[in-house]
Amino acid sequence: MTFPSNAHTHSRWCDGADAIPAMVEAARALDFVSLGFSSHACQGFDPDYSMAPDVQAGYFAELRALQAAPEPGFPRLWAGLELDALAHPDCRRAACAEADYLIGSAHYLCESYGGAPVAVDGDPVLLRRYVDEVYHGDGLAMARDYFAIEITSLLRDRPQIIGHFDLLRKYAASLSLFDEADPAYRRLALSALERVFPCGGVLEINTGGMARGYLTTPYPTLELLCAWRELGGQITLTSDCHDRRYLAHAFPQAAALARQAGFRTALRLGTGTELWEEAEL
């Protein structure tokens, strides 16, 4: 196994396809040494996507029980949360108090537009209409606002992991939102990455867009990874897994991209009491 761990894993407690035991068994079959669950935390809106407070309590109860009675030969389990940038303050406080670690992610541009939340990785028809009506078709202006939301939340919440930093690439080409090769977009993304560095989070190389057929490369781009290495940042590999069949999807490609950017090691979730361990790529 190229990288025997994953910190970004979803189960049926939110929008994943599998129950936690099935995910754990899949990790054991892959000889994982550790596995972190990161269900979408309570956020105060879009209840079809995130956990309600009582559901979140059940999620932690199941994971804490498994942590308290680990099975020999199974990976070390961690109970995390993926916290959205627009989550309400009470949800953020609960997440910080309960989770072993947080993935800080920006999914949304707004909580409600015509009665529905607008996410850069959500309904593409709604996203296109939102860019057309709010930004008069200027996808670069949308990208500027997206990164501003991300910067604000990461510096405020200081999560242990920075989630899919350039998630807005998901529909960039298919919806003709902006050109990733445009120097203006590249400057915008690089500036945003530099500004979030002080949050102290580990940058994930996320293969989720590849697993679901939207992209042929991980989040973030090679250019951003090179800049992160020059800043002195650390990385981890994740699959953003929503289906146990893809728990280690494209990890060899992600590791190769990391090495191309100049990284020789990455952090993985620990096998003992410490959150992180260093692993060779």
Protein backbone atom coordinates (compact mmCIF):
# COMPACT_ATOMS: atom_id res chain seq x y z
CA MET A 1 0.00 0.00 0.00
CA THR A 2 1.44 3.34 -1.09
CA PHE A 3 -0.04 5.24 1.84
CA PRO A 4 -1.78 2.99 4.42
CA SER A 5 -4.10 5.55 5.99
CA ASN A 6 -6.95 7.92 5.18
CA ALA A 7 -8.18 10.86 7.23
CA HIS A 8 -11.07 11.93 4.99
CA THR A 9 -13.76 9.23 5.15
CA HIS A 10 -17.54 9.50 5.02
CA SER A 11 -20.08 6.91 6.11
CA ARG A 12 -23.85 6.53 6.25
CA TRP A 13 -23.91 8.96 9.15
CA CYS A 14 -23.79 11.67 6.46
CA ASP A 15 -23.63 11.19 2.68
CA GLY A 16 -21.46 8.05 2.49
CA ALA A 17 -22.63 4.75 1.03
CA ASP A 18 -21.35 2.42 3.76
CA ALA A 19 -21.67 1.89 7.49
CA ILE A 20 -18.60 2.47 9.66
CA PRO A 21 -17.86 -1.27 10.22
CA ALA A 22 -17.79 -1.88 6.46
CA MET A 23 -15.35 1.00 6.01
CA VAL A 24 -13.16 -0.33 8.80
CA GLU A 25 -13.13 -3.80 7.25
CA ALA A 26 -12.16 -2.29 3.88
CA ALA A 27 -9.29 -0.48 5.58
CA ARG A 28 -8.14 -3.70 7.25
CA ALA A 29 -8.17 -5.48 3.89
CA LEU A 30 -5.91 -2.73 2.51
CA ASP A 31 -3.52 -3.16 5.46
CA PHE A 32 -4.22 0.36 6.68
CA VAL A 33 -2.50 1.24 9.92
CA SER A 34 -4.97 4.04 10.73
CA LEU A 35 -8.33 5.35 9.53
CA GLY A 36 -10.07 8.61 10.31
CA PHE A 37 -13.77 9.26 9.88
CA SER A 38 -14.79 12.79 8.97
CA SER A 39 -18.56 13.02 8.58
CA HIS A 40 -19.99 16.40 7.63
CA ALA A 41 -20.44 18.28 10.88
CA CYS A 42 -23.64 19.96 11.93
CA GLN A 43 -23.65 23.32 10.14
CA GLY A 44 -27.09 24.84 10.75
CA PHE A 45 -28.29 24.63 7.14
CA ASP A 46 -28.55 22.12 4.27
CA PRO A 47 -29.72 19.25 6.53
CA ASP A 48 -29.74 16.75 3.64
CA TYR A 49 -25.97 17.04 3.48
CA SER A 50 -24.73 17.52 7.04
CA MET A 51 -25.50 15.81 10.34
CA ALA A 52 -28.09 17.16 12.75
CA PRO A 53 -26.90 17.50 16.38
CA ASP A 54 -28.57 14.26 17.50
CA VAL A 55 -27.16 12.37 14.52
CA GLN A 56 -23.71 13.76 15.25
CA ALA A 57 -24.02 12.48 18.82
CA GLY A 58 -24.80 8.98 17.50
CA TYR A 59 -21.85 9.15 15.13
CA PHE A 60 -19.45 9.90 17.98
CA ALA A 61 -21.03 7.26 20.21
CA GLU A 62 -20.37 4.55 17.62
CA LEU A 63 -16.81 5.65 16.98
CA ARG A 64 -15.93 6.09 20.66
CA ALA A 65 -17.19 2.56 21.36
CA LEU A 66 -14.97 1.17 18.60
CA GLN A 67 -12.00 3.17 19.86
CA ALA A 68 -12.54 1.86 23.39
CA ALA A 69 -12.44 -1.79 22.28
CA PRO A 70 -10.02 -1.99 19.33
CA GLU A 71 -9.83 -5.29 17.47
CA PRO A 72 -6.35 -6.80 17.02
CA GLY A 73 -5.05 -6.35 13.50
CA PHE A 74 -7.46 -3.54 12.68
CA PRO A 75 -6.39 0.05 11.97
CA ARG A 76 -6.23 2.69 14.69
CA LEU A 77 -9.48 4.67 14.42
CA TRP A 78 -9.89 8.43 14.76
CA ALA A 79 -13.16 10.34 15.15
CA GLY A 80 -13.00 13.53 13.11
CA LEU A 81 -15.38 15.95 11.45
CA GLU A 82 -15.42 17.87 8.19
CA LEU A 83 -16.45 21.38 9.18
CA ASP A 84 -17.80 23.71 6.52
CA ALA A 85 -16.61 27.30 6.25
CA LEU A 86 -20.17 28.65 6.62
CA ALA A 87 -21.14 26.48 9.60
CA HIS A 88 -23.00 28.41 12.30
CA PRO A 89 -21.07 29.38 15.45
CA ASP A 90 -22.80 26.87 17.73
CA CYS A 91 -21.97 24.07 15.28
CA ARG A 92 -18.34 25.16 15.12
CA ARG A 93 -18.07 25.17 18.90
CA ALA A 94 -19.55 21.66 19.13
CA ALA A 95 -17.21 20.35 16.43
CA CYS A 96 -14.12 21.74 18.13
CA ALA A 97 -15.19 20.24 21.46
CA GLU A 98 -16.03 16.75 20.20
CA ALA A 99 -13.69 15.84 17.35
CA ASP A 100 -10.22 14.28 17.46
CA TYR A 101 -9.43 16.48 14.47
CA LEU A 102 -11.16 18.80 12.01
CA ILE A 103 -11.01 19.05 8.24
CA GLY A 104 -11.74 22.66 7.34
CA SER A 105 -13.52 22.78 3.99
CA ALA A 106 -15.29 25.42 1.93
CA HIS A 107 -18.17 23.98 -0.08
CA TYR A 108 -20.70 26.80 -0.27
CA LEU A 109 -20.90 30.26 -1.77
CA CYS A 110 -24.09 31.06 0.14
CA GLU A 111 -26.59 29.35 2.45
CA SER A 112 -29.63 30.11 0.31
CA TYR A 113 -30.33 31.37 -3.18
CA GLY A 114 -33.92 30.94 -4.24
CA GLY A 115 -34.37 28.64 -1.26
CA ALA A 116 -31.39 26.36 -1.91
CA PRO A 117 -27.75 26.50 -0.81
CA VAL A 118 -25.20 27.06 -3.55
CA ALA A 119 -22.12 24.84 -3.38
CA VAL A 120 -19.19 24.82 -5.80
CA ASP A 121 -19.40 21.01 -5.80
CA GLY A 122 -23.20 20.76 -5.61
CA ASP A 123 -25.96 21.17 -8.20
CA PRO A 124 -24.15 22.33 -11.36
CA VAL A 125 -27.30 23.87 -12.86
CA LEU A 126 -27.82 26.02 -9.78
CA LEU A 127 -24.14 26.95 -9.65
CA ARG A 128 -24.14 28.07 -13.28
CA ARG A 129 -27.30 30.14 -12.72
CA TYR A 130 -25.83 31.68 -9.57
CA VAL A 131 -22.66 32.72 -11.39
CA ASP A 132 -24.69 34.13 -14.27
CA GLU A 133 -27.15 36.06 -12.11
CA VAL A 134 -24.98 37.17 -9.18
CA TYR A 135 -21.62 37.58 -10.94
CA HIS A 136 -22.98 38.38 -14.42
CA GLY A 137 -21.18 35.33 -15.74
CA ASP A 138 -17.80 36.26 -14.26
CA GLY A 139 -16.49 32.99 -12.86
CA LEU A 140 -13.25 34.61 -11.77
CA ALA A 141 -15.20 36.96 -9.51
CA MET A 142 -16.93 33.90 -8.05
CA ALA A 143 -13.54 32.28 -7.47
CA ARG A 144 -12.35 35.41 -5.67
CA ASP A 145 -15.31 35.22 -3.27
CA TYR A 146 -14.85 31.48 -2.79
CA PHE A 147 -11.23 31.85 -1.75
CA ALA A 148 -12.15 34.75 0.55
CA ILE A 149 -14.65 32.48 2.34
CA GLU A 150 -12.03 29.77 2.61
CA ILE A 151 -9.29 32.09 3.90
CA THR A 152 -11.55 33.58 6.57
CA SER A 153 -12.72 30.22 7.89
CA LEU A 154 -9.32 28.51 7.92
CA LEU A 155 -7.68 31.35 9.81
CA ARG A 156 -10.63 31.45 12.22
CA ASP A 157 -11.07 27.71 12.87
CA ARG A 158 -7.45 26.51 12.51
CA PRO A 159 -8.37 22.93 11.54
CA GLN A 160 -5.80 20.16 11.56
CA ILE A 161 -6.43 19.49 7.85
CA ILE A 162 -7.12 21.88 4.97
CA GLY A 163 -9.77 20.16 2.85
CA HIS A 164 -9.73 20.07 -0.99
CA PHE A 165 -8.27 23.57 -1.21
CA ASP A 166 -9.27 24.25 -4.84
CA LEU A 167 -12.60 22.37 -4.84
CA LEU A 168 -14.06 25.01 -7.18
CA ARG A 169 -12.09 23.31 -9.99
CA LYS A 170 -14.69 20.53 -10.01
CA TYR A 171 -16.98 22.21 -12.55
CA ALA A 172 -14.59 24.86 -13.85
CA ALA A 173 -14.18 23.25 -17.27
CA SER A 174 -17.55 21.54 -17.73
CA LEU A 175 -19.49 24.71 -16.86
CA SER A 176 -16.95 27.08 -18.47
CA LEU A 177 -16.64 28.97 -15.19
CA PHE A 178 -13.00 29.99 -15.59
CA ASP A 179 -9.79 28.81 -17.21
CA GLU A 180 -7.46 27.12 -14.73
CA ALA A 181 -4.51 28.13 -16.89
CA ASP A 182 -5.47 31.80 -16.81
CA PRO A 183 -2.68 33.71 -15.03
CA ALA A 184 -5.31 35.76 -13.19
CA TYR A 185 -6.86 32.62 -11.67
CA ARG A 186 -3.46 31.13 -10.86
CA ARG A 187 -2.38 34.30 -9.06
CA LEU A 188 -5.64 34.29 -7.12
CA ALA A 189 -5.25 30.67 -6.01
CA LEU A 190 -1.58 31.07 -5.10
CA SER A 191 -2.28 34.21 -3.09
CA ALA A 192 -5.08 32.44 -1.22
CA LEU A 193 -2.81 29.50 -0.42
CA GLU A 194 -0.14 31.80 0.96
CA ARG A 195 -2.70 33.61 3.09
CA VAL A 196 -4.05 30.41 4.70
CA PHE A 197 -0.60 29.05 5.57
CA PRO A 198 -0.64 30.61 9.08
CA CYS A 199 -3.69 28.49 10.02
CA GLY A 200 -1.22 25.65 10.66
CA GLY A 201 -3.23 22.95 8.91
CA VAL A 202 -1.91 20.01 6.93
CA LEU A 203 -2.83 20.31 3.24
CA GLU A 204 -4.57 17.24 1.89
CA ILE A 205 -3.93 15.85 -1.58
CA ASN A 206 -7.49 14.77 -2.21
CA THR A 207 -8.41 12.19 -4.88
CA GLY A 208 -12.17 12.37 -4.38
CA GLY A 209 -12.84 14.21 -7.63
CA MET A 210 -10.94 11.49 -9.47
CA ALA A 211 -12.86 8.67 -7.77
CA ARG A 212 -16.17 10.21 -8.84
CA GLY A 213 -15.06 10.89 -12.40
CA TYR A 214 -14.98 14.69 -12.37
CA LEU A 215 -11.22 15.23 -12.56
CA THR A 216 -8.11 13.41 -13.74
CA THR A 217 -5.84 14.97 -11.10
CA PRO A 218 -6.22 15.53 -7.34
CA TYR A 219 -6.97 18.69 -5.42
CA PRO A 220 -4.84 20.82 -5.30
CA THR A 221 -2.88 21.42 -8.50
CA LEU A 222 0.82 20.70 -8.85
CA GLU A 223 1.55 24.43 -8.93
CA LEU A 224 -0.16 24.89 -5.57
CA LEU A 225 1.63 21.89 -4.08
CA CYS A 226 4.99 23.29 -5.18
CA ALA A 227 4.11 26.60 -3.54
CA TRP A 228 3.04 24.82 -0.34
CA ARG A 229 6.34 22.98 -0.16
CA GLU A 230 8.24 26.24 -0.63
CA LEU A 231 6.23 27.73 2.23
CA GLY A 232 7.30 24.82 4.44
CA GLY A 233 3.86 23.25 4.65
CA GLN A 234 3.04 19.60 5.32
CA ILE A 235 0.74 17.28 3.38
CA THR A 236 -1.37 14.16 3.76
CA LEU A 237 -3.02 11.93 1.15
CA THR A 238 -6.78 11.41 1.31
CA SER A 239 -9.45 9.83 -0.87
CA ASP A 240 -12.43 11.83 0.47
CA CYS A 241 -14.03 8.40 0.45
CA HIS A 242 -17.82 8.02 0.20
CA ASP A 243 -17.71 4.38 -0.95
CA ARG A 244 -15.47 1.72 0.57
CA ARG A 245 -14.41 0.53 -2.90
CA TYR A 246 -12.49 3.78 -3.34
CA LEU A 247 -10.89 4.06 0.08
CA ALA A 248 -7.37 4.28 -1.38
CA HIS A 249 -8.34 5.52 -4.83
CA ALA A 250 -5.44 6.89 -6.91
CA PHE A 251 -3.06 7.04 -3.94
CA PRO A 252 -0.11 6.07 -6.18
CA GLN A 253 -0.91 9.03 -8.47
CA ALA A 254 -1.30 11.35 -5.47
CA ALA A 255 2.05 10.21 -4.05
CA ALA A 256 3.70 10.70 -7.45
CA LEU A 257 2.29 14.23 -7.64
CA ALA A 258 3.63 14.96 -4.16
CA ARG A 259 7.08 13.72 -5.12
CA GLN A 260 6.94 15.82 -8.29
CA ALA A 261 6.29 18.84 -6.08
CA GLY A 262 9.37 17.99 -4.03
CA PHE A 263 7.86 16.17 -1.05
CA ARG A 264 9.54 13.01 0.16
CA THR A 265 7.30 12.36 3.16
CA ALA A 266 3.68 12.93 4.13
CA LEU A 267 1.79 12.82 7.41
CA ARG A 268 -0.64 10.03 8.16
CA LEU A 269 -2.96 9.57 11.12
CA GLY A 270 -1.07 8.01 13.98
CA THR A 271 -1.16 4.47 15.30
CA GLY A 272 -0.84 5.53 18.93
CA THR A 273 -1.80 8.60 20.93
CA GLU A 274 -0.29 11.22 18.61
CA LEU A 275 -2.49 12.48 15.79
CA TRP A 276 0.23 12.42 13.13
CA GLU A 277 3.07 10.16 12.04
CA GLU A 278 5.48 10.77 9.18
CA ALA A 279 5.48 8.31 6.27
CA GLU A 280 7.75 8.05 3.25
CA LEU A 281 6.17 8.53 -0.16
